[in-house]
Amino acid sequence: MNASRAVIAVSAAALAVLAGCSSNKAPSNQDDGIFTYLLDRKPNWTEDKIETMPPLPQPSNLLPFNVSQNTPLTFAVDKTSLTVGKDGVIRYVIVVTSPAGARNVNYEGIRCDTYEWRRYASINDAQNGWDQGVAFDFKRIENGELNAYQAALYQDYFCTSKLPVGTAKQIVNNIQYKRTQSSINVR
C-alpha cells in the first residue's frame, strides 16, 4: 500500500513539473530570437532591376545546345547577352529556330535557388526591337517536355546545388565546348 502511495506521489510531482513547463503561448512563425524554423523564415531575396535590354542577337554570337534528340527545333544562347546577376539570376537571350526558319527570340532569366524562370521580353513583330509587354514573373521550370530548354540550360550549364555554376564567362565556355554538368562531374 505504501508503494502505491509513493507511485501516486511521484506521478503527481511529475505532473506538477510538466504543468509548470507548459506555456500559454501559441505556436508562432515569428522570430522571437530563441528559435526559428529555417523553412519558416521569410526570404529577403530581391530581384535586380533590369535597366536596359540587351542588343538583339547576331548569328555569330549564337551558341547552340542540345535539348532533346526528339525535337526538330534548334536552340541557341546569345553569348554576349549572358549575365549572372548579384541576385543569382542568370539572364540570357534564347533563339529557338524551326526547320522552316521561323524564330522565337526571348530575353529570359533562370533562378538557380528556386528552379524557376521568367521572360523579360520577346523580339517584336518587326524583328527590330524588344517587346516587354509579353514579360511575366517567375514560374516553375517544366521537366520532360519536348522543348524544355530552360530545364536543359538549368541542369546542363547554368546551375549546380541551387547556385550558378560560375561566372558568365565560365558558363559561356561550358556551352561553347559542350561541357555539361554531368560530363564535368564524371571527371
Protein backbone atom coordinates (compact mmCIF):
# COMPACT_ATOMS: atom_id res chain seq x y z
CA MET A 1 0.00 0.00 0.00
CA ASN A 2 2.85 2.38 0.78
CA ALA A 3 4.38 1.58 -2.63
CA SER A 4 1.21 2.63 -4.42
CA ARG A 5 1.10 5.89 -2.43
CA ALA A 6 4.71 6.51 -3.41
CA VAL A 7 3.89 5.94 -7.11
CA ILE A 8 0.92 8.29 -6.85
CA ALA A 9 3.02 10.94 -5.13
CA VAL A 10 5.81 10.68 -7.72
CA SER A 11 3.26 10.83 -10.54
CA ALA A 12 1.62 13.91 -9.04
CA ALA A 13 5.02 15.59 -8.68
CA ALA A 14 5.90 14.80 -12.28
CA LEU A 15 2.59 16.24 -13.49
CA ALA A 16 3.18 19.40 -11.47
CA VAL A 17 6.63 19.82 -13.04
CA LEU A 18 5.23 19.27 -16.55
CA ALA A 19 2.41 21.72 -15.91
CA GLY A 20 4.99 24.31 -14.90
CA CYS A 21 6.76 23.78 -18.25
CA SER A 22 3.66 24.45 -20.30
CA SER A 23 3.10 27.79 -21.95
CA ASN A 24 0.01 29.74 -22.81
CA LYS A 25 1.87 31.00 -25.88
CA ALA A 26 0.51 29.58 -29.14
CA PRO A 27 2.99 28.24 -31.72
CA SER A 28 4.29 31.02 -33.94
CA ASN A 29 6.41 31.53 -37.03
CA GLN A 30 7.70 34.78 -35.53
CA ASP A 31 11.43 35.06 -34.92
CA ASP A 32 11.49 35.61 -31.17
CA GLY A 33 15.25 35.37 -31.02
CA ILE A 34 15.24 31.94 -29.39
CA PHE A 35 14.41 29.54 -32.19
CA THR A 36 13.04 29.83 -35.69
CA TYR A 37 12.41 27.01 -38.10
CA LEU A 38 14.60 27.54 -41.16
CA LEU A 39 11.70 26.83 -43.52
CA ASP A 40 9.51 29.38 -41.72
CA ARG A 41 11.89 32.25 -42.34
CA LYS A 42 10.75 34.71 -44.95
CA PRO A 43 13.27 35.07 -47.75
CA ASN A 44 14.61 38.56 -48.27
CA TRP A 45 15.54 37.98 -51.91
CA THR A 46 15.10 40.95 -54.22
CA GLU A 47 15.49 40.75 -57.97
CA ASP A 48 17.98 43.09 -59.63
CA LYS A 49 16.31 45.81 -61.66
CA ILE A 50 16.74 45.43 -65.43
CA GLU A 51 17.91 48.85 -66.59
CA THR A 52 18.41 48.11 -70.29
CA MET A 53 17.58 45.33 -72.69
CA PRO A 54 20.47 43.51 -74.37
CA PRO A 55 21.15 44.08 -78.07
CA LEU A 56 19.30 41.80 -80.46
CA PRO A 57 21.29 38.62 -81.14
CA GLN A 58 23.70 38.33 -84.05
CA PRO A 59 24.14 34.92 -85.72
CA SER A 60 27.89 34.92 -84.99
CA ASN A 61 27.20 35.14 -81.24
CA LEU A 62 24.80 32.18 -81.02
CA LEU A 63 25.90 29.08 -79.12
CA PRO A 64 23.74 26.04 -79.95
CA PHE A 65 22.95 23.48 -77.26
CA ASN A 66 21.05 20.20 -77.15
CA VAL A 67 17.60 19.96 -75.57
CA SER A 68 16.21 16.68 -76.88
CA GLN A 69 17.00 14.25 -79.66
CA ASN A 70 13.27 14.18 -80.45
CA THR A 71 12.68 17.84 -81.28
CA PRO A 72 13.12 19.30 -84.77
CA LEU A 73 13.82 22.75 -83.25
CA THR A 74 17.29 24.16 -82.68
CA PHE A 75 18.19 26.15 -79.58
CA ALA A 76 20.97 28.70 -79.08
CA VAL A 77 22.02 31.21 -76.44
CA ASP A 78 23.47 34.59 -77.39
CA LYS A 79 26.86 34.51 -75.67
CA THR A 80 27.08 38.31 -75.44
CA SER A 81 23.79 38.54 -73.53
CA LEU A 82 24.53 36.02 -70.78
CA THR A 83 24.98 37.55 -67.31
CA VAL A 84 24.96 36.28 -63.72
CA GLY A 85 23.27 38.90 -61.56
CA LYS A 86 24.03 39.75 -57.93
CA ASP A 87 20.57 38.33 -57.24
CA GLY A 88 21.69 34.91 -58.55
CA VAL A 89 19.58 35.12 -61.71
CA ILE A 90 21.25 34.04 -64.93
CA ARG A 91 19.90 36.21 -67.76
CA TYR A 92 20.29 35.35 -71.44
CA VAL A 93 18.81 35.72 -74.90
CA ILE A 94 17.48 32.46 -76.34
CA VAL A 95 16.88 31.85 -80.04
CA VAL A 96 14.62 28.92 -80.96
CA THR A 97 14.52 28.13 -84.67
CA SER A 98 12.15 25.81 -86.55
CA PRO A 99 13.25 23.69 -89.54
CA ALA A 100 11.42 26.20 -91.79
CA GLY A 101 13.48 29.07 -90.36
CA ALA A 102 10.87 30.68 -88.10
CA ARG A 103 12.48 32.12 -84.94
CA ASN A 104 11.36 32.84 -81.41
CA VAL A 105 13.74 35.19 -79.61
CA ASN A 106 13.31 35.87 -75.89
CA TYR A 107 15.21 37.61 -73.14
CA GLU A 108 14.84 35.40 -70.06
CA GLY A 109 16.21 34.66 -66.62
CA ILE A 110 16.66 31.49 -64.54
CA ARG A 111 16.80 31.39 -60.72
CA CYS A 112 19.00 28.52 -59.60
CA ASP A 113 17.81 28.57 -55.98
CA THR A 114 14.13 28.05 -56.83
CA TYR A 115 14.20 26.16 -60.17
CA GLU A 116 12.20 28.94 -61.83
CA TRP A 117 12.41 31.03 -65.00
CA ARG A 118 10.84 34.21 -66.31
CA ARG A 119 10.57 36.14 -69.55
CA TYR A 120 11.59 39.80 -69.65
CA ALA A 121 10.89 40.43 -73.34
CA SER A 122 10.44 38.87 -76.79
CA ILE A 123 11.51 40.17 -80.15
CA ASN A 124 8.81 42.43 -81.63
CA ASP A 125 6.80 41.67 -84.77
CA ALA A 126 9.05 43.84 -86.93
CA GLN A 127 12.08 41.86 -85.64
CA ASN A 128 13.90 45.11 -84.82
CA GLY A 129 13.44 45.58 -81.07
CA TRP A 130 12.16 44.13 -77.80
CA ASP A 131 8.51 43.80 -76.76
CA GLN A 132 8.35 43.93 -72.95
CA GLY A 133 4.57 43.56 -72.98
CA VAL A 134 4.97 39.77 -73.10
CA ALA A 135 7.00 39.64 -69.86
CA PHE A 136 5.86 37.52 -66.93
CA ASP A 137 7.09 36.79 -63.43
CA PHE A 138 8.99 33.70 -62.31
CA LYS A 139 7.32 30.32 -62.73
CA ARG A 140 8.45 26.74 -62.22
CA ILE A 141 10.63 25.15 -64.90
CA GLU A 142 8.86 22.23 -66.57
CA ASN A 143 10.79 19.00 -66.99
CA GLY A 144 10.36 16.30 -69.57
CA GLU A 145 8.73 18.36 -72.26
CA LEU A 146 9.98 18.02 -75.81
CA ASN A 147 11.13 21.64 -75.93
CA ALA A 148 12.03 22.17 -72.25
CA TYR A 149 15.11 24.24 -72.99
CA GLN A 150 15.00 26.02 -69.59
CA ALA A 151 15.40 22.64 -67.87
CA ALA A 152 18.29 21.75 -70.18
CA LEU A 153 20.03 25.07 -69.50
CA TYR A 154 19.47 24.79 -65.74
CA GLN A 155 20.66 21.19 -65.46
CA ASP A 156 23.41 21.11 -68.10
CA TYR A 157 25.02 24.55 -68.00
CA PHE A 158 23.66 27.11 -65.54
CA CYS A 159 23.15 25.67 -62.06
CA THR A 160 24.54 23.20 -59.58
CA SER A 161 23.44 22.74 -55.96
CA LYS A 162 20.92 25.58 -56.45
CA LEU A 163 23.69 28.05 -57.31
CA PRO A 164 25.09 29.40 -60.58
CA VAL A 165 27.96 27.15 -61.73
CA GLY A 166 30.26 30.14 -62.12
CA THR A 167 30.71 33.43 -63.88
CA ALA A 168 29.05 34.31 -67.17
CA LYS A 169 32.37 33.64 -68.94
CA GLN A 170 32.61 30.13 -67.42
CA ILE A 171 29.02 29.33 -68.41
CA VAL A 172 29.58 30.59 -71.97
CA ASN A 173 32.74 28.47 -72.23
CA ASN A 174 30.86 25.40 -70.99
CA ILE A 175 28.12 25.88 -73.60
CA GLN A 176 30.65 26.60 -76.35
CA TYR A 177 32.70 23.48 -75.59
CA LYS A 178 29.65 21.30 -74.73
CA ARG A 179 30.82 20.76 -71.12
CA THR A 180 27.60 19.78 -69.37
CA GLN A 181 27.40 19.40 -65.59
CA SER A 182 27.12 15.62 -65.94
CA SER A 183 30.30 15.48 -68.07
CA ILE A 184 32.17 17.75 -65.63
CA ASN A 185 31.08 15.71 -62.59
CA VAL A 186 32.28 12.45 -64.17
CA ARG A 187 35.91 13.55 -64.09
